[in-house]
Amino acid sequence: MRGFDFAKYKRIILIGSPGSGKSWLSKRIAEITGFPLYHLDKEYWQPDWVLLPRAERIVREQEFISGEKWIIDGNYNGTMELRFAPADLVIFLDISRLICLLGAAGRTGKKRSDLPDYLKEPPIFNGEFLKFCKYIWEFPKTDRNTIINLREKYPEKEFLHIKSRREVRNLIK
């Protein structure tokens, strides 16, 4: 998988647990391809961590996927199939829960380019962060099933199942 040819795909989605490296990898792919990049967290979170209503998220996603070329980073299971169906390439970062927790902890309290300017990750010992950690820990039992089911529903999709940080690094070399 070393040096994957992203240019032969026009519509790419990255999905996986928070802290798995979706945003980091999507930025690298956007640099390589020059495609527009949409971070769903940046598009959907309003001030005070209020999520945009589902109907508005669907409208925005339909705008993104109507483009000829794009990269979309994010899960949002309730609308995942909207992105999955038209995608040419699905990258599933199925990274260990422990690695994802460490990734999320490493960005706490920091400003991130994949979030709106008015938000930043909560501090590490904040109650919201602990809820987030619980979500990460339960991701393989909950959200992972949605991804696997969509994979089975759309077997014709190019599907990269990435299981380690090393595989991620090899993918972009």
Protein backbone atom coordinates (compact mmCIF):
# COMPACT_ATOMS: atom_id res chain seq x y z
CA MET A 1 0.00 0.00 0.00
CA ARG A 2 3.06 2.26 -0.01
CA GLY A 3 2.55 5.46 -1.98
CA PHE A 4 -1.16 5.03 -2.74
CA ASP A 5 -2.38 6.83 -5.90
CA PHE A 6 -5.12 9.12 -4.56
CA ALA A 7 -5.34 11.05 -7.85
CA LYS A 8 -7.30 8.27 -9.56
CA TYR A 9 -10.23 8.89 -7.19
CA LYS A 10 -12.44 11.99 -7.29
CA ARG A 11 -14.63 11.48 -4.21
CA ILE A 12 -12.94 10.33 -1.01
CA ILE A 13 -14.33 9.86 2.48
CA LEU A 14 -12.43 9.20 5.69
CA ILE A 15 -14.27 7.53 8.55
CA GLY A 16 -13.25 6.05 11.88
CA SER A 17 -13.14 6.71 15.58
CA PRO A 18 -12.38 10.18 16.94
CA GLY A 19 -8.65 10.40 17.56
CA SER A 20 -7.86 7.90 14.78
CA GLY A 21 -6.21 10.53 12.57
CA LYS A 22 -8.94 11.22 10.00
CA SER A 23 -8.37 14.97 9.94
CA TRP A 24 -4.59 14.66 9.78
CA LEU A 25 -4.77 12.18 6.90
CA SER A 26 -7.50 14.11 5.04
CA LYS A 27 -5.31 17.23 5.09
CA ARG A 28 -2.40 15.27 3.61
CA ILE A 29 -4.62 13.81 0.88
CA ALA A 30 -5.97 17.30 0.08
CA GLU A 31 -2.37 18.57 -0.25
CA ILE A 32 -1.57 15.69 -2.62
CA THR A 33 -4.72 15.97 -4.78
CA GLY A 34 -5.72 19.63 -4.48
CA PHE A 35 -9.34 18.52 -3.92
CA PRO A 36 -11.70 20.55 -1.71
CA LEU A 37 -11.68 19.24 1.86
CA TYR A 38 -14.71 19.26 4.14
CA HIS A 39 -14.26 18.52 7.84
CA LEU A 40 -17.74 17.65 9.05
CA ASP A 41 -16.87 18.76 12.60
CA LYS A 42 -16.06 22.20 11.25
CA GLU A 43 -19.26 22.31 9.21
CA TYR A 44 -21.67 20.98 11.82
CA TRP A 45 -20.67 22.33 15.23
CA GLN A 46 -22.14 25.64 16.31
CA PRO A 47 -21.08 27.75 19.34
CA ASP A 48 -21.14 25.99 22.73
CA TRP A 49 -20.82 22.58 21.01
CA VAL A 50 -24.38 22.62 19.67
CA LEU A 51 -24.79 20.32 16.68
CA LEU A 52 -26.49 21.66 13.57
CA PRO A 53 -29.96 20.07 13.16
CA ARG A 54 -29.95 16.88 11.08
CA ALA A 55 -32.03 18.39 8.24
CA GLU A 56 -29.46 21.19 7.83
CA ARG A 57 -26.58 18.70 7.95
CA ILE A 58 -28.22 16.73 5.13
CA VAL A 59 -28.58 19.87 2.99
CA ARG A 60 -24.90 20.76 3.54
CA GLU A 61 -23.74 17.24 2.75
CA GLN A 62 -25.75 17.21 -0.45
CA GLU A 63 -23.99 20.44 -1.44
CA PHE A 64 -20.56 18.89 -0.77
CA ILE A 65 -21.25 15.66 -2.64
CA SER A 66 -22.72 17.49 -5.64
CA GLY A 67 -19.19 18.63 -6.47
CA GLU A 68 -17.07 16.74 -8.97
CA LYS A 69 -14.12 16.24 -6.61
CA TRP A 70 -14.01 16.25 -2.83
CA ILE A 71 -12.62 14.81 0.37
CA ILE A 72 -14.93 14.51 3.38
CA ASP A 73 -13.63 13.75 6.85
CA GLY A 74 -16.06 12.63 9.54
CA ASN A 75 -18.46 9.98 10.75
CA TYR A 76 -21.93 11.23 11.66
CA ASN A 77 -23.61 7.85 11.27
CA GLY A 78 -27.03 9.35 10.62
CA THR A 79 -25.81 10.76 7.30
CA MET A 80 -22.86 8.49 6.53
CA GLU A 81 -24.59 6.71 3.66
CA LEU A 82 -25.08 10.08 1.88
CA ARG A 83 -21.28 10.24 1.55
CA PHE A 84 -20.58 6.53 1.25
CA ALA A 85 -22.85 5.96 -1.76
CA PRO A 86 -21.17 8.47 -4.14
CA ALA A 87 -17.62 7.95 -2.84
CA ASP A 88 -14.99 6.42 -5.13
CA LEU A 89 -12.72 5.68 -2.19
CA VAL A 90 -13.60 4.94 1.43
CA ILE A 91 -10.78 5.06 3.97
CA PHE A 92 -11.71 3.43 7.26
CA LEU A 93 -9.25 4.20 10.05
CA ASP A 94 -9.90 1.24 12.35
CA ILE A 95 -7.21 2.18 14.85
CA SER A 96 -6.92 0.73 18.36
CA ARG A 97 -9.11 2.40 21.00
CA LEU A 98 -6.09 3.10 23.17
CA ILE A 99 -4.27 4.90 20.33
CA CYS A 100 -7.44 6.90 19.59
CA LEU A 101 -7.78 7.89 23.25
CA LEU A 102 -4.17 9.03 23.31
CA GLY A 103 -4.73 10.99 20.09
CA ALA A 104 -7.79 12.72 21.55
CA ALA A 105 -5.98 13.45 24.84
CA GLY A 106 -3.06 14.97 22.95
CA ARG A 107 -5.25 17.61 21.35
CA THR A 108 -7.27 18.66 24.42
CA GLY A 109 -7.53 22.37 25.08
CA LYS A 110 -5.99 23.15 21.68
CA LYS A 111 -7.24 25.08 18.69
CA ARG A 112 -7.77 22.82 15.70
CA SER A 113 -8.11 23.66 12.01
CA ASP A 114 -10.79 21.00 11.59
CA LEU A 115 -13.11 22.75 14.09
CA PRO A 116 -14.83 26.13 13.80
CA ASP A 117 -12.70 29.02 15.10
CA TYR A 118 -15.05 29.55 18.05
CA LEU A 119 -14.49 26.02 19.44
CA LYS A 120 -11.58 24.16 20.99
CA GLU A 121 -11.28 20.74 22.53
CA PRO A 122 -12.27 20.68 26.21
CA PRO A 123 -9.57 20.23 28.89
CA ILE A 124 -8.58 16.65 29.61
CA PHE A 125 -10.28 16.24 33.00
CA ASN A 126 -13.48 18.02 31.97
CA GLY A 127 -16.71 15.99 32.19
CA GLU A 128 -17.34 16.52 28.48
CA PHE A 129 -13.94 15.09 27.65
CA LEU A 130 -14.66 12.02 29.78
CA LYS A 131 -17.94 11.48 27.85
CA PHE A 132 -15.94 11.81 24.64
CA CYS A 133 -13.49 9.16 25.89
CA LYS A 134 -16.42 6.84 26.61
CA TYR A 135 -17.66 7.35 23.03
CA ILE A 136 -14.18 6.52 21.67
CA TRP A 137 -13.97 3.42 23.86
CA GLU A 138 -17.39 2.19 22.70
CA PHE A 139 -16.84 3.08 19.02
CA PRO A 140 -15.89 -0.50 17.99
CA LYS A 141 -19.14 -1.82 19.52
CA THR A 142 -21.41 0.91 18.16
CA ASP A 143 -20.36 3.00 15.15
CA ARG A 144 -18.01 0.44 13.62
CA ASN A 145 -21.03 -1.73 12.74
CA THR A 146 -22.49 1.07 10.60
CA ILE A 147 -19.26 1.20 8.60
CA ILE A 148 -19.06 -2.57 8.14
CA ASN A 149 -22.74 -2.72 7.10
CA LEU A 150 -22.20 0.02 4.50
CA ARG A 151 -19.13 -1.82 3.24
CA GLU A 152 -21.28 -4.90 2.71
CA LYS A 153 -24.04 -2.85 1.05
CA TYR A 154 -21.57 -1.20 -1.37
CA PRO A 155 -19.01 -3.95 -2.16
CA GLU A 156 -17.96 -2.19 -5.39
CA LYS A 157 -16.42 0.72 -3.45
CA GLU A 158 -12.67 0.90 -3.15
CA PHE A 159 -12.30 0.38 0.60
CA LEU A 160 -9.05 0.84 2.50
CA HIS A 161 -9.23 -0.71 5.95
CA ILE A 162 -6.35 0.89 7.85
CA LYS A 163 -5.49 -0.64 11.23
CA SER A 164 -2.33 1.16 12.38
CA ARG A 165 -0.51 4.48 12.32
CA ARG A 166 2.25 2.77 10.32
CA GLU A 167 -0.26 1.87 7.59
CA VAL A 168 -1.42 5.50 7.54
CA ARG A 169 2.15 6.77 7.09
CA ASN A 170 2.84 4.20 4.35
CA LEU A 171 -0.33 5.24 2.56
CA ILE A 172 0.92 8.78 1.96
CA LYS A 173 4.60 8.08 1.24
